[in-house]
């Protein structure tokens, strides 16, 4: 579950963090709850997590979700 950063207005966007294996986390800024991340390798497992954003900054990171893209 994503939480609003404390003390501010509603959510204005999201940051998606993702990686495969032990690679460094990559980031993608999005404005909607759904989106597309390109450049992933089919058959490779990725870790995903997200943070909600508002005028104060980012809230706590969500728990990690694992997913493997397929063609």
PDB file of N, CA and C in Angstrom:
ATOM      1  N   UNK A   1       0.842  -1.174   0.000  1.00  0.00           N
ATOM      2  CA  UNK A   1       0.000   0.000   0.000  1.00  0.00           C
ATOM      3  C   UNK A   1       0.889   1.240   0.000  1.00  0.00           C
ATOM      4  N   UNK A   2       0.572   2.183  -0.854  1.00  0.00           N
ATOM      5  CA  UNK A   2       1.319   3.439  -0.905  1.00  0.00           C
ATOM      6  C   UNK A   2       0.689   4.440   0.044  1.00  0.00           C
ATOM      7  N   UNK A   3       1.526   5.211   0.707  1.00  0.00           N
ATOM      8  CA  UNK A   3       1.026   6.208   1.638  1.00  0.00           C
ATOM      9  C   UNK A   3       1.440   7.598   1.193  1.00  0.00           C
ATOM     10  N   UNK A   4       0.568   8.563   1.482  1.00  0.00           N
ATOM     11  CA  UNK A   4       0.851   9.973   1.231  1.00  0.00           C
ATOM     12  C   UNK A   4       1.995  10.421   2.121  1.00  0.00           C
ATOM     13  N   UNK A   5       2.953  11.189   1.605  1.00  0.00           N
ATOM     14  CA  UNK A   5       3.925  11.806   2.507  1.00  0.00           C
ATOM     15  C   UNK A   5       3.178  12.692   3.497  1.00  0.00           C
ATOM     16  N   UNK A   6       3.607  12.712   4.735  1.00  0.00           N
ATOM     17  CA  UNK A   6       2.871  13.388   5.806  1.00  0.00           C
ATOM     18  C   UNK A   6       2.767  14.896   5.595  1.00  0.00           C
ATOM     19  N   UNK A   7       1.649  15.458   6.044  1.00  0.00           N
ATOM     20  CA  UNK A   7       1.480  16.894   6.146  1.00  0.00           C
ATOM     21  C   UNK A   7       1.292  17.653   4.866  1.00  0.00           C
ATOM     22  N   UNK A   8       0.693  17.086   3.867  1.00  0.00           N
ATOM     23  CA  UNK A   8       0.555  17.804   2.599  1.00  0.00           C
ATOM     24  C   UNK A   8      -0.724  17.410   1.883  1.00  0.00           C
ATOM     25  N   UNK A   9      -0.848  17.930   0.693  1.00  0.00           N
ATOM     26  CA  UNK A   9      -2.013  17.645  -0.143  1.00  0.00           C
ATOM     27  C   UNK A   9      -1.948  16.229  -0.686  1.00  0.00           C
ATOM     28  N   UNK A  10      -2.902  15.898  -1.538  1.00  0.00           N
ATOM     29  CA  UNK A  10      -3.007  14.560  -2.106  1.00  0.00           C
ATOM     30  C   UNK A  10      -1.835  14.173  -3.000  1.00  0.00           C
ATOM     31  N   UNK A  11      -1.861  12.945  -3.427  1.00  0.00           N
ATOM     32  CA  UNK A  11      -0.811  12.381  -4.273  1.00  0.00           C
ATOM     33  C   UNK A  11      -0.822  13.053  -5.637  1.00  0.00           C
ATOM     34  N   UNK A  12       0.369  13.442  -6.092  1.00  0.00           N
ATOM     35  CA  UNK A  12       0.511  14.091  -7.412  1.00  0.00           C
ATOM     36  C   UNK A  12       1.297  13.248  -8.406  1.00  0.00           C
ATOM     37  N   UNK A  13       1.898  12.168  -7.957  1.00  0.00           N
ATOM     38  CA  UNK A  13       2.664  11.305  -8.841  1.00  0.00           C
ATOM     39  C   UNK A  13       3.262  10.145  -8.073  1.00  0.00           C
ATOM     40  N   UNK A  14       4.054   9.351  -8.792  1.00  0.00           N
ATOM     41  CA  UNK A  14       4.649   8.160  -8.214  1.00  0.00           C
ATOM     42  C   UNK A  14       6.052   7.964  -8.770  1.00  0.00           C
ATOM     43  N   UNK A  15       6.881   7.294  -7.977  1.00  0.00           N
ATOM     44  CA  UNK A  15       8.192   6.863  -8.457  1.00  0.00           C
ATOM     45  C   UNK A  15       8.199   5.342  -8.408  1.00  0.00           C
ATOM     46  N   UNK A  16       8.486   4.709  -9.539  1.00  0.00           N
ATOM     47  CA  UNK A  16       8.605   3.262  -9.609  1.00  0.00           C
ATOM     48  C   UNK A  16      10.092   2.929  -9.570  1.00  0.00           C
ATOM     49  N   UNK A  17      10.479   2.048  -8.667  1.00  0.00           N
ATOM     50  CA  UNK A  17      11.864   1.601  -8.556  1.00  0.00           C
ATOM     51  C   UNK A  17      11.897   0.132  -8.970  1.00  0.00           C
ATOM     52  N   UNK A  18      12.867  -0.251  -9.776  1.00  0.00           N
ATOM     53  CA  UNK A  18      12.910  -1.633 -10.255  1.00  0.00           C
ATOM     54  C   UNK A  18      14.339  -2.064 -10.541  1.00  0.00           C
ATOM     55  N   UNK A  19      14.550  -3.386 -10.493  1.00  0.00           N
ATOM     56  CA  UNK A  19      15.860  -3.964 -10.800  1.00  0.00           C
ATOM     57  C   UNK A  19      15.719  -5.453 -11.062  1.00  0.00           C
ATOM     58  N   UNK A  20      16.750  -6.000 -11.653  1.00  0.00           N
ATOM     59  CA  UNK A  20      16.862  -7.442 -11.806  1.00  0.00           C
ATOM     60  C   UNK A  20      18.097  -7.895 -11.049  1.00  0.00           C
ATOM     61  N   UNK A  21      17.981  -9.007 -10.334  1.00  0.00           N
ATOM     62  CA  UNK A  21      19.111  -9.509  -9.551  1.00  0.00           C
ATOM     63  C   UNK A  21      19.553  -8.516  -8.500  1.00  0.00           C
ATOM     64  N   UNK A  22      20.872  -8.323  -8.409  1.00  0.00           N
ATOM     65  CA  UNK A  22      21.415  -7.396  -7.415  1.00  0.00           C
ATOM     66  C   UNK A  22      21.840  -6.066  -8.043  1.00  0.00           C
ATOM     67  N   UNK A  23      21.338  -5.795  -9.239  1.00  0.00           N
ATOM     68  CA  UNK A  23      21.666  -4.537  -9.930  1.00  0.00           C
ATOM     69  C   UNK A  23      21.161  -3.341  -9.123  1.00  0.00           C
ATOM     70  N   UNK A  24      21.718  -2.179  -9.405  1.00  0.00           N
ATOM     71  CA  UNK A  24      21.243  -0.952  -8.769  1.00  0.00           C
ATOM     72  C   UNK A  24      19.799  -0.687  -9.193  1.00  0.00           C
ATOM     73  N   UNK A  25      19.037  -0.060  -8.323  1.00  0.00           N
ATOM     74  CA  UNK A  25      17.646   0.266  -8.637  1.00  0.00           C
ATOM     75  C   UNK A  25      17.583   1.346  -9.713  1.00  0.00           C
ATOM     76  N   UNK A  26      16.738   1.117 -10.701  1.00  0.00           N
ATOM     77  CA  UNK A  26      16.424   2.136 -11.701  1.00  0.00           C
ATOM     78  C   UNK A  26      15.124   2.803 -11.258  1.00  0.00           C
ATOM     79  N   UNK A  27      14.880   4.031 -11.738  1.00  0.00           N
ATOM     80  CA  UNK A  27      13.684   4.773 -11.340  1.00  0.00           C
ATOM     81  C   UNK A  27      12.921   5.263 -12.559  1.00  0.00           C
ATOM     82  N   UNK A  28      11.607   5.328 -12.404  1.00  0.00           N
ATOM     83  CA  UNK A  28      10.752   5.931 -13.430  1.00  0.00           C
ATOM     84  C   UNK A  28       9.679   6.731 -12.729  1.00  0.00           C
ATOM     85  N   UNK A  29       9.548   7.997 -13.112  1.00  0.00           N
ATOM     86  CA  UNK A  29       8.509   8.871 -12.566  1.00  0.00           C
ATOM     87  C   UNK A  29       7.246   8.692 -13.417  1.00  0.00           C
ATOM     88  N   UNK A  30       6.112   8.537 -12.764  1.00  0.00           N
ATOM     89  CA  UNK A  30       4.829   8.413 -13.460  1.00  0.00           C
ATOM     90  C   UNK A  30       3.794   9.276 -12.742  1.00  0.00           C
ATOM     91  N   UNK A  31       2.735   9.639 -13.450  1.00  0.00           N
ATOM     92  CA  UNK A  31       1.683  10.457 -12.847  1.00  0.00           C
ATOM     93  C   UNK A  31       0.413   9.669 -12.574  1.00  0.00           C
ATOM     94  N   UNK A  32       0.329   8.446 -13.083  1.00  0.00           N
ATOM     95  CA  UNK A  32      -0.862   7.619 -12.894  1.00  0.00           C
ATOM     96  C   UNK A  32      -0.476   6.338 -12.150  1.00  0.00           C
ATOM     97  N   UNK A  33      -1.476   5.619 -11.659  1.00  0.00           N
ATOM     98  CA  UNK A  33      -1.215   4.373 -10.948  1.00  0.00           C
ATOM     99  C   UNK A  33      -0.810   3.238 -11.872  1.00  0.00           C
ATOM    100  N   UNK A  34      -0.999   3.412 -13.158  1.00  0.00           N
ATOM    101  CA  UNK A  34      -0.567   2.405 -14.124  1.00  0.00           C
ATOM    102  C   UNK A  34       0.404   3.053 -15.100  1.00  0.00           C
ATOM    103  N   UNK A  35       1.235   2.252 -15.699  1.00  0.00           N
ATOM    104  CA  UNK A  35       2.204   2.790 -16.642  1.00  0.00           C
ATOM    105  C   UNK A  35       2.965   1.664 -17.310  1.00  0.00           C
ATOM    106  N   UNK A  36       3.916   2.034 -18.122  1.00  0.00           N
ATOM    107  CA  UNK A  36       4.704   1.059 -18.858  1.00  0.00           C
ATOM    108  C   UNK A  36       6.184   1.352 -18.642  1.00  0.00           C
ATOM    109  N   UNK A  37       6.922   0.308 -18.346  1.00  0.00           N
ATOM    110  CA  UNK A  37       8.375   0.413 -18.229  1.00  0.00           C
ATOM    111  C   UNK A  37       8.955  -0.384 -19.386  1.00  0.00           C
ATOM    112  N   UNK A  38       9.665   0.307 -20.261  1.00  0.00           N
ATOM    113  CA  UNK A  38      10.229  -0.353 -21.437  1.00  0.00           C
ATOM    114  C   UNK A  38      11.662  -0.796 -21.147  1.00  0.00           C
ATOM    115  N   UNK A  39      12.178  -1.671 -22.003  1.00  0.00           N
ATOM    116  CA  UNK A  39      13.563  -2.102 -21.905  1.00  0.00           C
ATOM    117  C   UNK A  39      13.792  -3.275 -20.971  1.00  0.00           C
ATOM    118  N   UNK A  40      12.723  -3.884 -20.449  1.00  0.00           N
ATOM    119  CA  UNK A  40      12.886  -5.052 -19.598  1.00  0.00           C
ATOM    120  C   UNK A  40      13.149  -6.285 -20.461  1.00  0.00           C
ATOM    121  N   UNK A  41      13.838  -7.263 -19.906  1.00  0.00           N
ATOM    122  CA  UNK A  41      14.178  -8.483 -20.635  1.00  0.00           C
ATOM    123  C   UNK A  41      13.177  -9.581 -20.308  1.00  0.00           C
ATOM    124  N   UNK A  42      12.519 -10.116 -21.332  1.00  0.00           N
ATOM    125  CA  UNK A  42      11.580 -11.217 -21.132  1.00  0.00           C
ATOM    126  C   UNK A  42      12.296 -12.391 -20.479  1.00  0.00           C
ATOM    127  N   UNK A  43      11.633 -13.024 -19.518  1.00  0.00           N
ATOM    128  CA  UNK A  43      12.186 -14.183 -18.833  1.00  0.00           C
ATOM    129  C   UNK A  43      13.076 -13.845 -17.647  1.00  0.00           C
ATOM    130  N   UNK A  44      13.393 -12.579 -17.435  1.00  0.00           N
ATOM    131  CA  UNK A  44      14.202 -12.170 -16.279  1.00  0.00           C
ATOM    132  C   UNK A  44      13.287 -11.669 -15.168  1.00  0.00           C
ATOM    133  N   UNK A  45      13.547 -12.108 -13.954  1.00  0.00           N
ATOM    134  CA  UNK A  45      12.734 -11.667 -12.818  1.00  0.00           C
ATOM    135  C   UNK A  45      13.188 -10.296 -12.351  1.00  0.00           C
ATOM    136  N   UNK A  46      12.229  -9.423 -12.079  1.00  0.00           N
ATOM    137  CA  UNK A  46      12.497  -8.060 -11.608  1.00  0.00           C
ATOM    138  C   UNK A  46      11.834  -7.846 -10.258  1.00  0.00           C
ATOM    139  N   UNK A  47      12.466  -6.994  -9.457  1.00  0.00           N
ATOM    140  CA  UNK A  47      11.878  -6.498  -8.217  1.00  0.00           C
ATOM    141  C   UNK A  47      11.309  -5.117  -8.511  1.00  0.00           C
ATOM    142  N   UNK A  48      10.080  -4.850  -8.069  1.00  0.00           N
ATOM    143  CA  UNK A  48       9.443  -3.554  -8.239  1.00  0.00           C
ATOM    144  C   UNK A  48       8.968  -3.040  -6.890  1.00  0.00           C
ATOM    145  N   UNK A  49       9.087  -1.749  -6.681  1.00  0.00           N
ATOM    146  CA  UNK A  49       8.455  -1.088  -5.548  1.00  0.00           C
ATOM    147  C   UNK A  49       8.135   0.337  -5.975  1.00  0.00           C
ATOM    148  N   UNK A  50       7.311   1.014  -5.193  1.00  0.00           N
ATOM    149  CA  UNK A  50       6.848   2.343  -5.596  1.00  0.00           C
ATOM    150  C   UNK A  50       6.794   3.269  -4.400  1.00  0.00           C
ATOM    151  N   UNK A  51       6.793   4.572  -4.700  1.00  0.00           N
ATOM    152  CA  UNK A  51       6.613   5.610  -3.693  1.00  0.00           C
ATOM    153  C   UNK A  51       5.624   6.636  -4.234  1.00  0.00           C
ATOM    154  N   UNK A  52       4.712   7.071  -3.377  1.00  0.00           N
ATOM    155  CA  UNK A  52       3.792   8.140  -3.736  1.00  0.00           C
ATOM    156  C   UNK A  52       4.487   9.483  -3.523  1.00  0.00           C
ATOM    157  N   UNK A  53       4.085  10.477  -4.317  1.00  0.00           N
ATOM    158  CA  UNK A  53       4.703  11.807  -4.240  1.00  0.00           C
ATOM    159  C   UNK A  53       3.620  12.872  -4.082  1.00  0.00           C
ATOM    160  N   UNK A  54       3.919  13.910  -3.285  1.00  0.00           N
ATOM    161  CA  UNK A  54       3.076  15.095  -3.233  1.00  0.00           C
ATOM    162  C   UNK A  54       3.978  16.311  -3.083  1.00  0.00           C
ATOM    163  N   UNK A  55       3.419  17.455  -2.730  1.00  0.00           N
ATOM    164  CA  UNK A  55       4.205  18.693  -2.691  1.00  0.00           C
ATOM    165  C   UNK A  55       5.328  18.668  -1.652  1.00  0.00           C
ATOM    166  N   UNK A  56       5.251  17.793  -0.650  1.00  0.00           N
ATOM    167  CA  UNK A  56       6.283  17.685   0.373  1.00  0.00           C
ATOM    168  C   UNK A  56       7.445  16.800  -0.087  1.00  0.00           C
ATOM    169  N   UNK A  57       7.143  15.795  -0.890  1.00  0.00           N
ATOM    170  CA  UNK A  57       8.168  14.857  -1.343  1.00  0.00           C
ATOM    171  C   UNK A  57       7.582  13.470  -1.487  1.00  0.00           C
ATOM    172  N   UNK A  58       8.408  12.472  -1.214  1.00  0.00           N
ATOM    173  CA  UNK A  58       7.991  11.082  -1.386  1.00  0.00           C
ATOM    174  C   UNK A  58       7.616  10.437  -0.062  1.00  0.00           C
ATOM    175  N   UNK A  59       6.629   9.549  -0.118  1.00  0.00           N
ATOM    176  CA  UNK A  59       6.239   8.762   1.041  1.00  0.00           C
ATOM    177  C   UNK A  59       7.127   7.540   1.171  1.00  0.00           C
ATOM    178  N   UNK A  60       6.757   6.641   2.062  1.00  0.00           N
ATOM    179  CA  UNK A  60       7.511   5.413   2.283  1.00  0.00           C
ATOM    180  C   UNK A  60       7.424   4.511   1.054  1.00  0.00           C
ATOM    181  N   UNK A  61       8.482   3.732   0.838  1.00  0.00           N
ATOM    182  CA  UNK A  61       8.480   2.774  -0.277  1.00  0.00           C
ATOM    183  C   UNK A  61       7.524   1.634   0.035  1.00  0.00           C
ATOM    184  N   UNK A  62       6.869   1.143  -1.000  1.00  0.00           N
ATOM    185  CA  UNK A  62       6.006  -0.020  -0.852  1.00  0.00           C
ATOM    186  C   UNK A  62       6.877  -1.265  -0.642  1.00  0.00           C
ATOM    187  N   UNK A  63       6.257  -2.358  -0.318  1.00  0.00           N
ATOM    188  CA  UNK A  63       6.987  -3.618  -0.256  1.00  0.00           C
ATOM    189  C   UNK A  63       7.335  -4.059  -1.672  1.00  0.00           C
ATOM    190  N   UNK A  64       8.337  -4.896  -1.798  1.00  0.00           N
ATOM    191  CA  UNK A  64       8.795  -5.362  -3.123  1.00  0.00           C
ATOM    192  C   UNK A  64       7.806  -6.366  -3.685  1.00  0.00           C
ATOM    193  N   UNK A  65       7.537  -6.228  -4.982  1.00  0.00           N
ATOM    194  CA  UNK A  65       6.734  -7.181  -5.737  1.00  0.00           C
ATOM    195  C   UNK A  65       7.642  -7.731  -6.821  1.00  0.00           C
ATOM    196  N   UNK A  66       7.663  -9.042  -6.985  1.00  0.00           N
ATOM    197  CA  UNK A  66       8.492  -9.674  -8.011  1.00  0.00           C
ATOM    198  C   UNK A  66       7.628 -10.007  -9.224  1.00  0.00           C
ATOM    199  N   UNK A  67       8.187  -9.769 -10.409  1.00  0.00           N
ATOM    200  CA  UNK A  67       7.445 -10.078 -11.638  1.00  0.00           C
ATOM    201  C   UNK A  67       8.444 -10.433 -12.737  1.00  0.00           C
ATOM    202  N   UNK A  68       8.001 -11.298 -13.657  1.00  0.00           N
ATOM    203  CA  UNK A  68       8.827 -11.709 -14.786  1.00  0.00           C
ATOM    204  C   UNK A  68       8.070 -11.399 -16.077  1.00  0.00           C
ATOM    205  N   UNK A  69       8.573 -10.456 -16.889  1.00  0.00           N
ATOM    206  CA  UNK A  69       7.888 -10.152 -18.146  1.00  0.00           C
ATOM    207  C   UNK A  69       8.001 -11.302 -19.140  1.00  0.00           C
ATOM    208  N   UNK A  70       6.956 -11.436 -19.966  1.00  0.00           N
ATOM    209  CA  UNK A  70       6.949 -12.435 -21.034  1.00  0.00           C
ATOM    210  C   UNK A  70       6.539 -11.750 -22.325  1.00  0.00           C
ATOM    211  N   UNK A  71       6.856 -12.394 -23.429  1.00  0.00           N
ATOM    212  CA  UNK A  71       6.519 -11.823 -24.733  1.00  0.00           C
ATOM    213  C   UNK A  71       5.039 -11.905 -24.996  1.00  0.00           C
TER     214      UNK A  71
END
